[in-house]
């Protein structure tokens, strides 16, 4: 199951802050996609990455997460007609 987490981040003042957060988030296993902008980040991740792990990484980088919203979505399984059960 993939989760999209949207974070509001205080204390970001430009490209340096964006790069610092990107560098911190790269260390969190399970992130499949991230978009970091001044003031917010949208992160798509699997079950290995939790919102708490994302928040912790950002706080270690020196910034404050002021809001966190998650949207979980499952993957639809498509049957394969080439298999006996498909």
PDB file of N, CA and C in Angstrom:
ATOM      1  N   UNK A   1       0.843  -1.171   0.000  1.00  0.00           N
ATOM      2  CA  UNK A   1       0.000   0.000   0.000  1.00  0.00           C
ATOM      3  C   UNK A   1       0.892   1.239   0.000  1.00  0.00           C
ATOM      4  N   UNK A   2       0.581   2.172  -0.840  1.00  0.00           N
ATOM      5  CA  UNK A   2       1.325   3.433  -0.887  1.00  0.00           C
ATOM      6  C   UNK A   2       0.572   4.503  -0.117  1.00  0.00           C
ATOM      7  N   UNK A   3       1.330   5.410   0.460  1.00  0.00           N
ATOM      8  CA  UNK A   3       0.767   6.527   1.205  1.00  0.00           C
ATOM      9  C   UNK A   3       1.358   7.808   0.648  1.00  0.00           C
ATOM     10  N   UNK A   4       0.513   8.822   0.497  1.00  0.00           N
ATOM     11  CA  UNK A   4       0.987  10.154   0.153  1.00  0.00           C
ATOM     12  C   UNK A   4       0.853  11.006   1.400  1.00  0.00           C
ATOM     13  N   UNK A   5       1.957  11.575   1.844  1.00  0.00           N
ATOM     14  CA  UNK A   5       1.968  12.417   3.035  1.00  0.00           C
ATOM     15  C   UNK A   5       2.290  13.841   2.620  1.00  0.00           C
ATOM     16  N   UNK A   6       1.441  14.768   3.055  1.00  0.00           N
ATOM     17  CA  UNK A   6       1.662  16.185   2.790  1.00  0.00           C
ATOM     18  C   UNK A   6       2.041  16.850   4.105  1.00  0.00           C
ATOM     19  N   UNK A   7       3.178  17.528   4.090  1.00  0.00           N
ATOM     20  CA  UNK A   7       3.703  18.165   5.295  1.00  0.00           C
ATOM     21  C   UNK A   7       3.818  19.667   5.089  1.00  0.00           C
ATOM     22  N   UNK A   8       3.400  20.429   6.076  1.00  0.00           N
ATOM     23  CA  UNK A   8       3.655  21.861   6.119  1.00  0.00           C
ATOM     24  C   UNK A   8       4.880  22.037   7.010  1.00  0.00           C
ATOM     25  N   UNK A   9       5.845  22.830   6.551  1.00  0.00           N
ATOM     26  CA  UNK A   9       7.132  22.928   7.243  1.00  0.00           C
ATOM     27  C   UNK A   9       7.461  24.394   7.516  1.00  0.00           C
ATOM     28  N   UNK A  10       7.726  24.693   8.781  1.00  0.00           N
ATOM     29  CA  UNK A  10       8.085  26.056   9.175  1.00  0.00           C
ATOM     30  C   UNK A  10       9.602  26.218   9.164  1.00  0.00           C
ATOM     31  N   UNK A  11      10.039  27.445   8.916  1.00  0.00           N
ATOM     32  CA  UNK A  11      11.457  27.769   9.009  1.00  0.00           C
ATOM     33  C   UNK A  11      12.233  27.645   7.714  1.00  0.00           C
ATOM     34  N   UNK A  12      11.547  27.354   6.612  1.00  0.00           N
ATOM     35  CA  UNK A  12      12.245  27.219   5.328  1.00  0.00           C
ATOM     36  C   UNK A  12      12.376  28.590   4.676  1.00  0.00           C
ATOM     37  N   UNK A  13      13.590  28.913   4.230  1.00  0.00           N
ATOM     38  CA  UNK A  13      13.834  30.232   3.647  1.00  0.00           C
ATOM     39  C   UNK A  13      14.574  30.176   2.323  1.00  0.00           C
ATOM     40  N   UNK A  14      14.250  29.243   1.469  1.00  0.00           N
ATOM     41  CA  UNK A  14      14.888  29.224   0.167  1.00  0.00           C
ATOM     42  C   UNK A  14      15.432  27.870  -0.233  1.00  0.00           C
ATOM     43  N   UNK A  15      16.235  27.901  -1.286  1.00  0.00           N
ATOM     44  CA  UNK A  15      16.753  26.685  -1.900  1.00  0.00           C
ATOM     45  C   UNK A  15      17.608  25.881  -0.926  1.00  0.00           C
ATOM     46  N   UNK A  16      18.371  26.556  -0.082  1.00  0.00           N
ATOM     47  CA  UNK A  16      19.209  25.841   0.887  1.00  0.00           C
ATOM     48  C   UNK A  16      18.341  24.967   1.797  1.00  0.00           C
ATOM     49  N   UNK A  17      17.225  25.493   2.244  1.00  0.00           N
ATOM     50  CA  UNK A  17      16.321  24.736   3.114  1.00  0.00           C
ATOM     51  C   UNK A  17      15.710  23.554   2.368  1.00  0.00           C
ATOM     52  N   UNK A  18      15.322  23.773   1.124  1.00  0.00           N
ATOM     53  CA  UNK A  18      14.767  22.688   0.306  1.00  0.00           C
ATOM     54  C   UNK A  18      15.791  21.567   0.173  1.00  0.00           C
ATOM     55  N   UNK A  19      17.021  21.907  -0.135  1.00  0.00           N
ATOM     56  CA  UNK A  19      18.081  20.897  -0.295  1.00  0.00           C
ATOM     57  C   UNK A  19      18.360  20.163   1.018  1.00  0.00           C
ATOM     58  N   UNK A  20      18.336  20.886   2.124  1.00  0.00           N
ATOM     59  CA  UNK A  20      18.587  20.261   3.427  1.00  0.00           C
ATOM     60  C   UNK A  20      17.505  19.233   3.748  1.00  0.00           C
ATOM     61  N   UNK A  21      16.260  19.558   3.444  1.00  0.00           N
ATOM     62  CA  UNK A  21      15.166  18.622   3.708  1.00  0.00           C
ATOM     63  C   UNK A  21      15.231  17.441   2.747  1.00  0.00           C
ATOM     64  N   UNK A  22      15.523  17.687   1.481  1.00  0.00           N
ATOM     65  CA  UNK A  22      15.672  16.579   0.530  1.00  0.00           C
ATOM     66  C   UNK A  22      16.772  15.620   0.982  1.00  0.00           C
ATOM     67  N   UNK A  23      17.890  16.170   1.437  1.00  0.00           N
ATOM     68  CA  UNK A  23      19.003  15.348   1.908  1.00  0.00           C
ATOM     69  C   UNK A  23      18.589  14.517   3.117  1.00  0.00           C
ATOM     70  N   UNK A  24      17.836  15.108   4.028  1.00  0.00           N
ATOM     71  CA  UNK A  24      17.375  14.387   5.217  1.00  0.00           C
ATOM     72  C   UNK A  24      16.397  13.280   4.837  1.00  0.00           C
ATOM     73  N   UNK A  25      15.489  13.558   3.914  1.00  0.00           N
ATOM     74  CA  UNK A  25      14.471  12.577   3.537  1.00  0.00           C
ATOM     75  C   UNK A  25      15.047  11.408   2.746  1.00  0.00           C
ATOM     76  N   UNK A  26      16.127  11.626   2.013  1.00  0.00           N
ATOM     77  CA  UNK A  26      16.755  10.543   1.249  1.00  0.00           C
ATOM     78  C   UNK A  26      17.179   9.406   2.179  1.00  0.00           C
ATOM     79  N   UNK A  27      17.446   9.716   3.427  1.00  0.00           N
ATOM     80  CA  UNK A  27      17.886   8.708   4.390  1.00  0.00           C
ATOM     81  C   UNK A  27      16.736   7.831   4.894  1.00  0.00           C
ATOM     82  N   UNK A  28      15.491   8.219   4.635  1.00  0.00           N
ATOM     83  CA  UNK A  28      14.330   7.452   5.101  1.00  0.00           C
ATOM     84  C   UNK A  28      14.004   6.389   4.060  1.00  0.00           C
ATOM     85  N   UNK A  29      14.077   5.130   4.451  1.00  0.00           N
ATOM     86  CA  UNK A  29      13.773   4.037   3.522  1.00  0.00           C
ATOM     87  C   UNK A  29      12.278   3.987   3.239  1.00  0.00           C
ATOM     88  N   UNK A  30      11.939   3.692   1.987  1.00  0.00           N
ATOM     89  CA  UNK A  30      10.548   3.510   1.607  1.00  0.00           C
ATOM     90  C   UNK A  30       9.951   4.658   0.823  1.00  0.00           C
ATOM     91  N   UNK A  31      10.689   5.756   0.674  1.00  0.00           N
ATOM     92  CA  UNK A  31      10.179   6.887  -0.102  1.00  0.00           C
ATOM     93  C   UNK A  31      10.326   6.560  -1.581  1.00  0.00           C
ATOM     94  N   UNK A  32       9.222   6.681  -2.322  1.00  0.00           N
ATOM     95  CA  UNK A  32       9.252   6.404  -3.753  1.00  0.00           C
ATOM     96  C   UNK A  32       9.239   7.679  -4.589  1.00  0.00           C
ATOM     97  N   UNK A  33       8.755   8.776  -4.007  1.00  0.00           N
ATOM     98  CA  UNK A  33       8.684  10.044  -4.728  1.00  0.00           C
ATOM     99  C   UNK A  33       8.585  11.169  -3.713  1.00  0.00           C
ATOM    100  N   UNK A  34       9.305  12.263  -3.949  1.00  0.00           N
ATOM    101  CA  UNK A  34       9.163  13.421  -3.067  1.00  0.00           C
ATOM    102  C   UNK A  34       9.249  14.705  -3.866  1.00  0.00           C
ATOM    103  N   UNK A  35       8.463  15.673  -3.422  1.00  0.00           N
ATOM    104  CA  UNK A  35       8.501  17.014  -3.994  1.00  0.00           C
ATOM    105  C   UNK A  35       8.577  17.982  -2.818  1.00  0.00           C
ATOM    106  N   UNK A  36       9.704  18.659  -2.703  1.00  0.00           N
ATOM    107  CA  UNK A  36       9.916  19.583  -1.593  1.00  0.00           C
ATOM    108  C   UNK A  36       9.963  20.992  -2.155  1.00  0.00           C
ATOM    109  N   UNK A  37       9.165  21.857  -1.561  1.00  0.00           N
ATOM    110  CA  UNK A  37       9.150  23.279  -1.918  1.00  0.00           C
ATOM    111  C   UNK A  37       9.242  24.080  -0.629  1.00  0.00           C
ATOM    112  N   UNK A  38       9.535  25.355  -0.760  1.00  0.00           N
ATOM    113  CA  UNK A  38       9.603  26.200   0.428  1.00  0.00           C
ATOM    114  C   UNK A  38       8.247  26.161   1.132  1.00  0.00           C
ATOM    115  N   UNK A  39       8.251  25.670   2.362  1.00  0.00           N
ATOM    116  CA  UNK A  39       7.042  25.639   3.177  1.00  0.00           C
ATOM    117  C   UNK A  39       6.288  24.328   3.193  1.00  0.00           C
ATOM    118  N   UNK A  40       6.595  23.409   2.265  1.00  0.00           N
ATOM    119  CA  UNK A  40       5.848  22.152   2.267  1.00  0.00           C
ATOM    120  C   UNK A  40       6.594  21.053   1.525  1.00  0.00           C
ATOM    121  N   UNK A  41       6.119  19.841   1.752  1.00  0.00           N
ATOM    122  CA  UNK A  41       6.666  18.676   1.053  1.00  0.00           C
ATOM    123  C   UNK A  41       5.537  17.683   0.829  1.00  0.00           C
ATOM    124  N   UNK A  42       5.547  17.054  -0.334  1.00  0.00           N
ATOM    125  CA  UNK A  42       4.629  15.968  -0.644  1.00  0.00           C
ATOM    126  C   UNK A  42       5.488  14.742  -0.896  1.00  0.00           C
ATOM    127  N   UNK A  43       5.204  13.687  -0.144  1.00  0.00           N
ATOM    128  CA  UNK A  43       6.052  12.498  -0.179  1.00  0.00           C
ATOM    129  C   UNK A  43       5.189  11.269  -0.385  1.00  0.00           C
ATOM    130  N   UNK A  44       5.542  10.468  -1.379  1.00  0.00           N
ATOM    131  CA  UNK A  44       4.873   9.188  -1.606  1.00  0.00           C
ATOM    132  C   UNK A  44       5.799   8.107  -1.072  1.00  0.00           C
ATOM    133  N   UNK A  45       5.221   7.194  -0.273  1.00  0.00           N
ATOM    134  CA  UNK A  45       6.069   6.181   0.354  1.00  0.00           C
ATOM    135  C   UNK A  45       5.294   4.905   0.613  1.00  0.00           C
ATOM    136  N   UNK A  46       6.056   3.839   0.828  1.00  0.00           N
ATOM    137  CA  UNK A  46       5.442   2.560   1.173  1.00  0.00           C
ATOM    138  C   UNK A  46       5.441   2.420   2.695  1.00  0.00           C
ATOM    139  N   UNK A  47       5.091   1.229   3.178  1.00  0.00           N
ATOM    140  CA  UNK A  47       4.944   1.009   4.601  1.00  0.00           C
ATOM    141  C   UNK A  47       6.214   1.096   5.421  1.00  0.00           C
ATOM    142  N   UNK A  48       7.366   1.061   4.776  1.00  0.00           N
ATOM    143  CA  UNK A  48       8.623   1.171   5.527  1.00  0.00           C
ATOM    144  C   UNK A  48       8.826   2.570   6.089  1.00  0.00           C
ATOM    145  N   UNK A  49       8.296   3.570   5.419  1.00  0.00           N
ATOM    146  CA  UNK A  49       8.420   4.955   5.881  1.00  0.00           C
ATOM    147  C   UNK A  49       7.117   5.358   6.565  1.00  0.00           C
ATOM    148  N   UNK A  50       7.224   5.901   7.754  1.00  0.00           N
ATOM    149  CA  UNK A  50       6.048   6.367   8.483  1.00  0.00           C
ATOM    150  C   UNK A  50       6.060   7.890   8.532  1.00  0.00           C
ATOM    151  N   UNK A  51       4.910   8.469   8.822  1.00  0.00           N
ATOM    152  CA  UNK A  51       4.863   9.924   8.944  1.00  0.00           C
ATOM    153  C   UNK A  51       5.764  10.388  10.085  1.00  0.00           C
ATOM    154  N   UNK A  52       5.880   9.574  11.124  1.00  0.00           N
ATOM    155  CA  UNK A  52       6.762   9.923  12.241  1.00  0.00           C
ATOM    156  C   UNK A  52       8.232   9.931  11.799  1.00  0.00           C
ATOM    157  N   UNK A  53       8.625   8.979  10.963  1.00  0.00           N
ATOM    158  CA  UNK A  53      10.001   8.950  10.448  1.00  0.00           C
ATOM    159  C   UNK A  53      10.273  10.168   9.569  1.00  0.00           C
ATOM    160  N   UNK A  54       9.296  10.560   8.756  1.00  0.00           N
ATOM    161  CA  UNK A  54       9.446  11.746   7.908  1.00  0.00           C
ATOM    162  C   UNK A  54       9.600  12.991   8.774  1.00  0.00           C
ATOM    163  N   UNK A  55       8.729  13.102   9.770  1.00  0.00           N
ATOM    164  CA  UNK A  55       8.764  14.248  10.686  1.00  0.00           C
ATOM    165  C   UNK A  55      10.117  14.317  11.414  1.00  0.00           C
ATOM    166  N   UNK A  56      10.582  13.191  11.899  1.00  0.00           N
ATOM    167  CA  UNK A  56      11.854  13.145  12.624  1.00  0.00           C
ATOM    168  C   UNK A  56      13.018  13.577  11.735  1.00  0.00           C
ATOM    169  N   UNK A  57      13.049  13.093  10.501  1.00  0.00           N
ATOM    170  CA  UNK A  57      14.123  13.463   9.571  1.00  0.00           C
ATOM    171  C   UNK A  57      14.139  14.971   9.334  1.00  0.00           C
ATOM    172  N   UNK A  58      12.964  15.551   9.172  1.00  0.00           N
ATOM    173  CA  UNK A  58      12.870  16.994   8.923  1.00  0.00           C
ATOM    174  C   UNK A  58      13.285  17.781  10.167  1.00  0.00           C
ATOM    175  N   UNK A  59      12.878  17.311  11.334  1.00  0.00           N
ATOM    176  CA  UNK A  59      13.252  18.003  12.569  1.00  0.00           C
ATOM    177  C   UNK A  59      14.752  17.909  12.834  1.00  0.00           C
ATOM    178  N   UNK A  60      15.359  16.771  12.521  1.00  0.00           N
ATOM    179  CA  UNK A  60      16.814  16.635  12.671  1.00  0.00           C
ATOM    180  C   UNK A  60      17.536  17.617  11.744  1.00  0.00           C
ATOM    181  N   UNK A  61      16.940  17.893  10.580  1.00  0.00           N
ATOM    182  CA  UNK A  61      17.526  18.854   9.640  1.00  0.00           C
ATOM    183  C   UNK A  61      17.353  20.296  10.116  1.00  0.00           C
ATOM    184  N   UNK A  62      16.588  20.490  11.208  1.00  0.00           N
ATOM    185  CA  UNK A  62      16.466  21.825  11.786  1.00  0.00           C
ATOM    186  C   UNK A  62      15.184  22.561  11.465  1.00  0.00           C
ATOM    187  N   UNK A  63      14.170  21.851  10.998  1.00  0.00           N
ATOM    188  CA  UNK A  63      12.912  22.487  10.629  1.00  0.00           C
ATOM    189  C   UNK A  63      11.761  21.890  11.428  1.00  0.00           C
ATOM    190  N   UNK A  64      10.633  22.591  11.453  1.00  0.00           N
ATOM    191  CA  UNK A  64       9.479  22.150  12.228  1.00  0.00           C
ATOM    192  C   UNK A  64       8.319  21.784  11.306  1.00  0.00           C
ATOM    193  N   UNK A  65       7.780  20.585  11.491  1.00  0.00           N
ATOM    194  CA  UNK A  65       6.585  20.167  10.759  1.00  0.00           C
ATOM    195  C   UNK A  65       5.385  20.702  11.523  1.00  0.00           C
ATOM    196  N   UNK A  66       4.591  21.554  10.875  1.00  0.00           N
ATOM    197  CA  UNK A  66       3.446  22.169  11.545  1.00  0.00           C
ATOM    198  C   UNK A  66       2.127  21.487  11.216  1.00  0.00           C
ATOM    199  N   UNK A  67       2.091  20.698  10.154  1.00  0.00           N
ATOM    200  CA  UNK A  67       0.873  19.970   9.795  1.00  0.00           C
ATOM    201  C   UNK A  67       1.266  18.747   8.978  1.00  0.00           C
ATOM    202  N   UNK A  68       0.533  17.664   9.182  1.00  0.00           N
ATOM    203  CA  UNK A  68       0.822  16.409   8.487  1.00  0.00           C
ATOM    204  C   UNK A  68      -0.500  15.761   8.102  1.00  0.00           C
ATOM    205  N   UNK A  69      -0.671  15.478   6.811  1.00  0.00           N
ATOM    206  CA  UNK A  69      -1.879  14.809   6.318  1.00  0.00           C
ATOM    207  C   UNK A  69      -1.466  13.623   5.464  1.00  0.00           C
ATOM    208  N   UNK A  70      -2.158  12.499   5.686  1.00  0.00           N
ATOM    209  CA  UNK A  70      -1.841  11.274   4.950  1.00  0.00           C
ATOM    210  C   UNK A  70      -3.035  10.793   4.149  1.00  0.00           C
ATOM    211  N   UNK A  71      -2.738  10.234   2.992  1.00  0.00           N
ATOM    212  CA  UNK A  71      -3.756   9.576   2.166  1.00  0.00           C
ATOM    213  C   UNK A  71      -3.191   8.221   1.765  1.00  0.00           C
ATOM    214  N   UNK A  72      -3.845   7.168   2.229  1.00  0.00           N
ATOM    215  CA  UNK A  72      -3.392   5.810   1.900  1.00  0.00           C
ATOM    216  C   UNK A  72      -4.211   5.294   0.733  1.00  0.00           C
ATOM    217  N   UNK A  73      -3.530   4.571  -0.137  1.00  0.00           N
ATOM    218  CA  UNK A  73      -4.251   3.967  -1.253  1.00  0.00           C
ATOM    219  C   UNK A  73      -3.612   2.625  -1.583  1.00  0.00           C
ATOM    220  N   UNK A  74      -4.452   1.662  -1.820  1.00  0.00           N
ATOM    221  CA  UNK A  74      -3.972   0.329  -2.165  1.00  0.00           C
ATOM    222  C   UNK A  74      -3.731   0.216  -3.653  1.00  0.00           C
ATOM    223  N   UNK A  75      -3.004  -0.789  -4.018  1.00  0.00           N
ATOM    224  CA  UNK A  75      -2.753  -1.064  -5.427  1.00  0.00           C
ATOM    225  C   UNK A  75      -3.776  -2.078  -5.914  1.00  0.00           C
ATOM    226  N   UNK A  76      -4.354  -1.829  -7.044  1.00  0.00           N
ATOM    227  CA  UNK A  76      -5.320  -2.750  -7.610  1.00  0.00           C
ATOM    228  C   UNK A  76      -4.581  -3.905  -8.268  1.00  0.00           C
ATOM    229  N   UNK A  77      -5.008  -5.113  -7.967  1.00  0.00           N
ATOM    230  CA  UNK A  77      -4.393  -6.303  -8.546  1.00  0.00           C
ATOM    231  C   UNK A  77      -5.136  -6.644  -9.825  1.00  0.00           C
ATOM    232  N   UNK A  78      -4.404  -6.772 -10.902  1.00  0.00           N
ATOM    233  CA  UNK A  78      -4.985  -7.126 -12.198  1.00  0.00           C
ATOM    234  C   UNK A  78      -4.629  -8.571 -12.474  1.00  0.00           C
ATOM    235  N   UNK A  79      -5.639  -9.374 -12.743  1.00  0.00           N
ATOM    236  CA  UNK A  79      -5.369 -10.795 -12.979  1.00  0.00           C
ATOM    237  C   UNK A  79      -4.673 -10.983 -14.316  1.00  0.00           C
ATOM    238  N   UNK A  80      -3.853 -12.004 -14.370  1.00  0.00           N
ATOM    239  CA  UNK A  80      -3.098 -12.338 -15.570  1.00  0.00           C
ATOM    240  C   UNK A  80      -3.759 -13.542 -16.224  1.00  0.00           C
ATOM    241  N   UNK A  81      -4.325 -13.377 -17.424  1.00  0.00           N
ATOM    242  CA  UNK A  81      -5.011 -14.491 -18.072  1.00  0.00           C
ATOM    243  C   UNK A  81      -4.083 -15.653 -18.415  1.00  0.00           C
ATOM    244  N   UNK A  82      -2.776 -15.429 -18.353  1.00  0.00           N
ATOM    245  CA  UNK A  82      -1.821 -16.494 -18.678  1.00  0.00           C
ATOM    246  C   UNK A  82      -1.601 -17.447 -17.500  1.00  0.00           C
ATOM    247  N   UNK A  83      -2.074 -17.058 -16.309  1.00  0.00           N
ATOM    248  CA  UNK A  83      -1.900 -17.930 -15.146  1.00  0.00           C
ATOM    249  C   UNK A  83      -3.174 -18.726 -14.903  1.00  0.00           C
ATOM    250  N   UNK A  84      -3.077 -19.898 -14.283  1.00  0.00           N
ATOM    251  CA  UNK A  84      -4.257 -20.734 -14.047  1.00  0.00           C
ATOM    252  C   UNK A  84      -5.339 -20.037 -13.230  1.00  0.00           C
ATOM    253  N   UNK A  85      -4.960 -19.161 -12.309  1.00  0.00           N
ATOM    254  CA  UNK A  85      -5.945 -18.472 -11.480  1.00  0.00           C
ATOM    255  C   UNK A  85      -6.446 -17.192 -12.129  1.00  0.00           C
ATOM    256  N   UNK A  86      -5.852 -16.759 -13.263  1.00  0.00           N
ATOM    257  CA  UNK A  86      -6.180 -15.483 -13.898  1.00  0.00           C
ATOM    258  C   UNK A  86      -7.325 -15.631 -14.771  1.00  0.00           C
TER     259      UNK A  86
END
